[in-house]
């Protein structure tokens, strides 16, 4: 559930950046400090939520092994949720790294 909210936040930030391309350079320069701080805090929050999903999944697995009262469906759903969140994080990292490499290989 939180992963879809975070994905929507990332998409809205991208859309705002595309719309912001038509604004003047001065207004963009004024907001660049805030945007950097917001992006940084959003990125850290997203990574923390992925970590939290993984920790919750691991704890649910331990609880299931220790107690027959735990639900296998909850364990499986949490495990898949953590797996999807981690895979999405890896894909985003790969795309950012590729974009960085493309920019660095551009002639000046």
Foldseek 3Di string as FASTA:
>chain_A
DVLVVLVVVVVVVVVVVVVCVPPDPVVCVVCVVVVVVVVVVSVVVLVVVLVVLVVVLVVLVVVVVVDVPRDPVVNVVSVVVSVVSVVVVVVVVVVVVVVVVVVVPDDD
